């Protein structure tokens, strides 16, 4: 049997998908989560599509490990970015053909 893709599913959906395929689900990053957990699976092992025997264990993680990414908290940003936005990226007004003429 092939392991289904569980990444991106909520905990309850991942558990039901695994159960429907005859697989067992476990979460190494937390003790047995309750069914109504609304966290999303961010990683799984074995990978989707891997061939495994029926009643095999599939490991899923709901949190990124150290150095694996994740959004994290980015606010407040100190120091604040400079004011100006897109205007800072625009060229100064002037003759637009000057840049196209050979030196």
N, C-alpha and C. Protein backbone atom coordinates (compact mmCIF):
# COMPACT_ATOMS: atom_id res chain seq x y z
N UNK A 1 0.83 -1.16 0.00
CA UNK A 1 0.00 0.00 0.00
C UNK A 1 0.89 1.24 0.00
N UNK A 2 0.37 2.32 -0.56
CA UNK A 2 1.12 3.57 -0.65
C UNK A 2 0.67 4.54 0.44
N UNK A 3 1.64 5.29 0.97
CA UNK A 3 1.37 6.28 1.99
C UNK A 3 0.71 7.50 1.32
N UNK A 4 -0.43 7.96 1.86
CA UNK A 4 -1.07 9.15 1.28
C UNK A 4 -0.35 10.42 1.69
N UNK A 5 -0.58 11.49 0.97
CA UNK A 5 -0.01 12.79 1.33
C UNK A 5 -0.84 13.37 2.47
N UNK A 6 -0.19 13.60 3.60
CA UNK A 6 -0.87 14.13 4.78
C UNK A 6 -0.49 15.58 5.06
N UNK A 7 0.62 16.05 4.47
CA UNK A 7 1.07 17.42 4.67
C UNK A 7 0.00 18.37 4.16
N UNK A 8 -0.33 19.35 4.99
CA UNK A 8 -1.34 20.33 4.63
C UNK A 8 -2.72 20.01 5.20
N UNK A 9 -2.90 18.79 5.71
CA UNK A 9 -4.18 18.42 6.30
C UNK A 9 -4.23 18.80 7.77
N UNK A 10 -5.43 19.06 8.28
CA UNK A 10 -5.60 19.28 9.71
C UNK A 10 -5.44 17.93 10.42
N UNK A 11 -5.15 17.97 11.71
CA UNK A 11 -4.87 16.76 12.48
C UNK A 11 -5.98 15.71 12.32
N UNK A 12 -7.21 16.12 12.48
CA UNK A 12 -8.32 15.17 12.41
C UNK A 12 -8.43 14.57 11.01
N UNK A 13 -8.21 15.37 9.97
CA UNK A 13 -8.28 14.86 8.60
C UNK A 13 -7.12 13.92 8.30
N UNK A 14 -5.94 14.24 8.81
CA UNK A 14 -4.77 13.38 8.60
C UNK A 14 -5.00 12.02 9.25
N UNK A 15 -5.55 12.04 10.47
CA UNK A 15 -5.81 10.79 11.18
C UNK A 15 -6.83 9.94 10.43
N UNK A 16 -7.89 10.57 9.94
CA UNK A 16 -8.92 9.82 9.22
C UNK A 16 -8.41 9.29 7.88
N UNK A 17 -7.59 10.09 7.19
CA UNK A 17 -7.02 9.65 5.92
C UNK A 17 -6.11 8.45 6.12
N UNK A 18 -5.27 8.51 7.16
CA UNK A 18 -4.37 7.38 7.45
C UNK A 18 -5.19 6.14 7.84
N UNK A 19 -6.18 6.33 8.69
CA UNK A 19 -7.01 5.21 9.15
C UNK A 19 -7.73 4.55 7.96
N UNK A 20 -8.22 5.36 7.03
CA UNK A 20 -8.92 4.82 5.86
C UNK A 20 -8.00 3.98 4.98
N UNK A 21 -6.69 4.28 5.02
CA UNK A 21 -5.72 3.53 4.24
C UNK A 21 -5.17 2.33 5.02
N UNK A 22 -5.63 2.16 6.27
CA UNK A 22 -5.14 1.05 7.09
C UNK A 22 -3.80 1.36 7.73
N UNK A 23 -3.50 2.64 7.93
CA UNK A 23 -2.23 3.04 8.54
C UNK A 23 -2.47 3.65 9.91
N UNK A 24 -1.45 3.62 10.74
CA UNK A 24 -1.51 4.22 12.06
C UNK A 24 -0.77 5.54 12.03
N UNK A 25 -1.23 6.50 12.80
CA UNK A 25 -0.63 7.84 12.81
C UNK A 25 -0.06 8.13 14.20
N UNK A 26 1.15 8.70 14.24
CA UNK A 26 1.73 9.13 15.50
C UNK A 26 2.39 10.48 15.31
N UNK A 27 2.54 11.21 16.42
CA UNK A 27 3.11 12.56 16.37
C UNK A 27 4.26 12.66 17.37
N UNK A 28 5.51 12.60 16.90
CA UNK A 28 6.66 12.67 17.80
C UNK A 28 6.82 14.04 18.47
N UNK A 29 6.27 15.12 17.89
CA UNK A 29 6.49 16.44 18.46
C UNK A 29 5.50 16.80 19.56
N UNK A 30 4.55 15.90 19.86
CA UNK A 30 3.62 16.15 20.97
C UNK A 30 2.98 14.83 21.39
N UNK A 31 2.61 14.74 22.64
CA UNK A 31 1.89 13.53 23.05
C UNK A 31 0.57 13.44 22.31
N UNK A 32 0.00 12.29 22.29
CA UNK A 32 -1.24 12.01 21.57
C UNK A 32 -2.16 13.23 21.50
N UNK A 33 -2.26 13.88 20.31
CA UNK A 33 -3.10 15.07 20.21
C UNK A 33 -4.58 14.69 20.21
N UNK A 34 -5.41 15.51 20.81
CA UNK A 34 -6.85 15.24 20.75
C UNK A 34 -7.34 15.41 19.31
N UNK A 35 -8.41 14.75 18.97
CA UNK A 35 -8.93 14.79 17.60
C UNK A 35 -9.29 16.19 17.11
N UNK A 36 -9.84 17.09 17.94
CA UNK A 36 -10.23 18.38 17.37
C UNK A 36 -9.09 19.37 17.15
N UNK A 37 -7.82 18.94 17.22
CA UNK A 37 -6.70 19.85 17.00
C UNK A 37 -6.80 20.43 15.60
N UNK A 38 -6.64 21.75 15.48
CA UNK A 38 -6.77 22.40 14.17
C UNK A 38 -5.42 22.75 13.57
N UNK A 39 -4.34 22.21 14.12
CA UNK A 39 -3.03 22.42 13.53
C UNK A 39 -2.93 21.63 12.23
N UNK A 40 -2.05 22.10 11.36
CA UNK A 40 -1.86 21.44 10.07
C UNK A 40 -0.56 20.65 10.07
N UNK A 41 -0.57 19.53 9.39
CA UNK A 41 0.63 18.69 9.25
C UNK A 41 1.63 19.44 8.38
N UNK A 42 2.89 19.59 8.86
CA UNK A 42 3.91 20.28 8.09
C UNK A 42 4.98 19.32 7.55
N UNK A 43 4.99 18.09 8.10
CA UNK A 43 6.02 17.12 7.67
C UNK A 43 5.50 15.73 7.98
N UNK A 44 5.91 14.76 7.17
CA UNK A 44 5.52 13.38 7.42
C UNK A 44 6.62 12.42 7.03
N UNK A 45 6.60 11.24 7.67
CA UNK A 45 7.53 10.16 7.32
C UNK A 45 6.79 8.85 7.53
N UNK A 46 6.81 7.95 6.58
CA UNK A 46 7.45 8.00 5.28
C UNK A 46 6.78 9.02 4.35
N UNK A 47 7.52 9.35 3.32
CA UNK A 47 7.04 10.33 2.34
C UNK A 47 5.81 9.81 1.61
N UNK A 48 5.00 10.74 1.09
CA UNK A 48 3.84 10.32 0.30
C UNK A 48 4.25 9.44 -0.87
N UNK A 49 3.50 8.39 -1.11
CA UNK A 49 3.77 7.48 -2.22
C UNK A 49 4.68 6.32 -1.87
N UNK A 50 5.29 6.33 -0.67
CA UNK A 50 6.17 5.23 -0.27
C UNK A 50 5.33 3.96 -0.08
N UNK A 51 5.89 2.83 -0.45
CA UNK A 51 5.22 1.53 -0.27
C UNK A 51 5.49 1.04 1.15
N UNK A 52 4.42 0.74 1.88
CA UNK A 52 4.55 0.23 3.25
C UNK A 52 3.52 -0.88 3.45
N UNK A 53 3.77 -1.77 4.43
CA UNK A 53 2.77 -2.79 4.74
C UNK A 53 1.56 -2.17 5.46
N UNK A 54 0.44 -2.84 5.37
CA UNK A 54 -0.77 -2.39 6.08
C UNK A 54 -0.47 -2.31 7.57
N UNK A 55 -1.10 -1.36 8.27
CA UNK A 55 -0.93 -1.10 9.70
C UNK A 55 0.46 -0.58 10.05
N UNK A 56 1.16 0.01 9.07
CA UNK A 56 2.45 0.66 9.34
C UNK A 56 2.20 1.98 10.05
N UNK A 57 3.22 2.45 10.76
CA UNK A 57 3.15 3.71 11.47
C UNK A 57 3.59 4.84 10.54
N UNK A 58 2.82 5.91 10.49
CA UNK A 58 3.19 7.11 9.74
C UNK A 58 3.38 8.22 10.78
N UNK A 59 4.54 8.87 10.73
CA UNK A 59 4.86 9.94 11.68
C UNK A 59 4.52 11.28 11.03
N UNK A 60 3.82 12.13 11.77
CA UNK A 60 3.51 13.47 11.28
C UNK A 60 3.92 14.50 12.33
N UNK A 61 4.33 15.67 11.86
CA UNK A 61 4.73 16.77 12.72
C UNK A 61 3.84 17.97 12.41
N UNK A 62 3.48 18.70 13.45
CA UNK A 62 2.65 19.88 13.30
C UNK A 62 3.45 21.16 13.46
N UNK A 63 4.69 21.05 13.93
CA UNK A 63 5.56 22.21 14.11
C UNK A 63 6.84 21.96 13.34
N UNK A 64 7.41 23.03 12.78
CA UNK A 64 8.69 22.92 12.12
C UNK A 64 9.77 22.72 13.16
N UNK A 65 10.77 21.92 12.85
CA UNK A 65 11.91 21.75 13.74
C UNK A 65 12.86 22.93 13.60
N UNK A 66 13.88 22.99 14.46
CA UNK A 66 14.83 24.10 14.38
C UNK A 66 15.50 24.15 13.00
N UNK A 67 15.54 25.33 12.42
CA UNK A 67 16.20 25.51 11.12
C UNK A 67 15.42 25.01 9.93
N UNK A 68 14.16 24.61 10.11
CA UNK A 68 13.38 24.08 9.00
C UNK A 68 12.44 25.10 8.39
N UNK A 69 12.45 26.31 8.88
CA UNK A 69 11.57 27.31 8.30
C UNK A 69 10.39 27.57 9.20
N UNK A 70 9.29 27.87 8.61
CA UNK A 70 8.12 28.26 9.38
C UNK A 70 8.03 29.76 9.39
N UNK A 71 6.86 30.27 9.54
CA UNK A 71 6.64 31.71 9.49
C UNK A 71 7.25 32.44 10.66
N UNK A 72 7.06 31.89 11.86
CA UNK A 72 7.56 32.57 13.03
C UNK A 72 6.87 33.91 13.24
N UNK A 73 7.31 34.63 14.22
CA UNK A 73 6.74 35.93 14.51
C UNK A 73 7.73 36.97 14.03
N UNK A 74 7.28 37.87 13.18
CA UNK A 74 8.17 38.87 12.60
C UNK A 74 7.87 40.28 13.08
N UNK A 75 6.88 40.48 13.90
CA UNK A 75 6.51 41.82 14.34
C UNK A 75 6.76 41.97 15.81
N UNK A 76 7.07 43.08 16.34
CA UNK A 76 7.35 44.29 15.59
C UNK A 76 8.77 44.26 15.01
N UNK A 77 8.93 44.90 13.90
CA UNK A 77 10.25 44.97 13.26
C UNK A 77 10.98 46.19 13.77
N UNK A 78 12.09 45.96 14.44
CA UNK A 78 12.87 47.08 14.96
C UNK A 78 14.29 46.89 14.48
N UNK A 79 14.95 47.81 13.89
CA UNK A 79 14.42 49.13 13.56
C UNK A 79 13.41 49.03 12.42
N UNK A 80 12.55 50.02 12.38
CA UNK A 80 11.53 50.03 11.35
C UNK A 80 12.17 50.27 9.98
N UNK A 81 11.57 49.72 8.90
CA UNK A 81 12.11 49.96 7.57
C UNK A 81 11.99 51.45 7.21
N UNK A 82 12.89 51.94 6.36
CA UNK A 82 12.84 53.36 6.00
C UNK A 82 11.56 53.70 5.27
N UNK A 83 11.12 54.95 5.45
CA UNK A 83 9.92 55.41 4.75
C UNK A 83 10.24 55.61 3.28
N UNK A 84 9.22 55.62 2.46
CA UNK A 84 9.44 55.91 1.04
C UNK A 84 8.86 54.84 0.15
N UNK A 85 8.90 53.60 0.57
CA UNK A 85 8.31 52.52 -0.21
C UNK A 85 8.83 52.48 -1.63
N UNK A 86 7.92 52.33 -2.57
CA UNK A 86 8.29 52.19 -3.98
C UNK A 86 8.94 53.45 -4.54
N UNK A 87 8.61 54.61 -4.00
CA UNK A 87 9.19 55.84 -4.53
C UNK A 87 10.71 55.83 -4.41
N UNK A 88 11.23 55.17 -3.43
CA UNK A 88 12.69 55.13 -3.25
C UNK A 88 13.34 54.31 -4.37
N UNK A 89 12.59 53.41 -4.99
CA UNK A 89 13.13 52.56 -6.04
C UNK A 89 13.06 53.19 -7.42
N UNK A 90 12.25 54.24 -7.58
CA UNK A 90 12.10 54.86 -8.90
C UNK A 90 13.28 55.77 -9.20
N UNK A 91 13.60 55.88 -10.48
CA UNK A 91 14.63 56.82 -10.92
C UNK A 91 14.13 58.24 -10.73
N UNK A 92 15.05 59.15 -10.64
CA UNK A 92 14.68 60.56 -10.54
C UNK A 92 14.03 60.98 -11.85
N UNK A 93 13.07 61.89 -11.81
CA UNK A 93 12.45 62.35 -13.05
C UNK A 93 13.48 63.03 -13.94
N UNK A 94 13.31 62.89 -15.22
CA UNK A 94 14.24 63.48 -16.17
C UNK A 94 14.02 62.90 -17.54
N UNK A 95 15.00 63.06 -18.41
CA UNK A 95 14.89 62.56 -19.78
C UNK A 95 15.04 61.04 -19.76
N UNK A 96 13.98 60.30 -20.13
CA UNK A 96 14.03 58.84 -20.09
C UNK A 96 14.91 58.27 -21.19
N UNK A 97 15.22 59.06 -22.24
CA UNK A 97 16.04 58.57 -23.34
C UNK A 97 17.53 58.67 -23.04
N UNK A 98 17.89 59.40 -22.01
CA UNK A 98 19.31 59.52 -21.68
C UNK A 98 19.93 58.17 -21.34
N UNK A 99 19.18 57.33 -20.66
CA UNK A 99 19.69 56.03 -20.25
C UNK A 99 19.83 55.11 -21.45
N UNK A 100 19.08 55.35 -22.54
CA UNK A 100 19.11 54.47 -23.70
C UNK A 100 20.18 54.88 -24.71
N UNK A 101 20.68 56.12 -24.64
CA UNK A 101 21.66 56.55 -25.61
C UNK A 101 23.04 56.00 -25.24
N UNK A 102 23.86 55.66 -26.28
CA UNK A 102 25.20 55.11 -25.99
C UNK A 102 26.07 56.14 -25.28
N UNK A 103 27.01 55.71 -24.48
CA UNK A 103 27.85 56.63 -23.73
C UNK A 103 28.77 57.43 -24.62
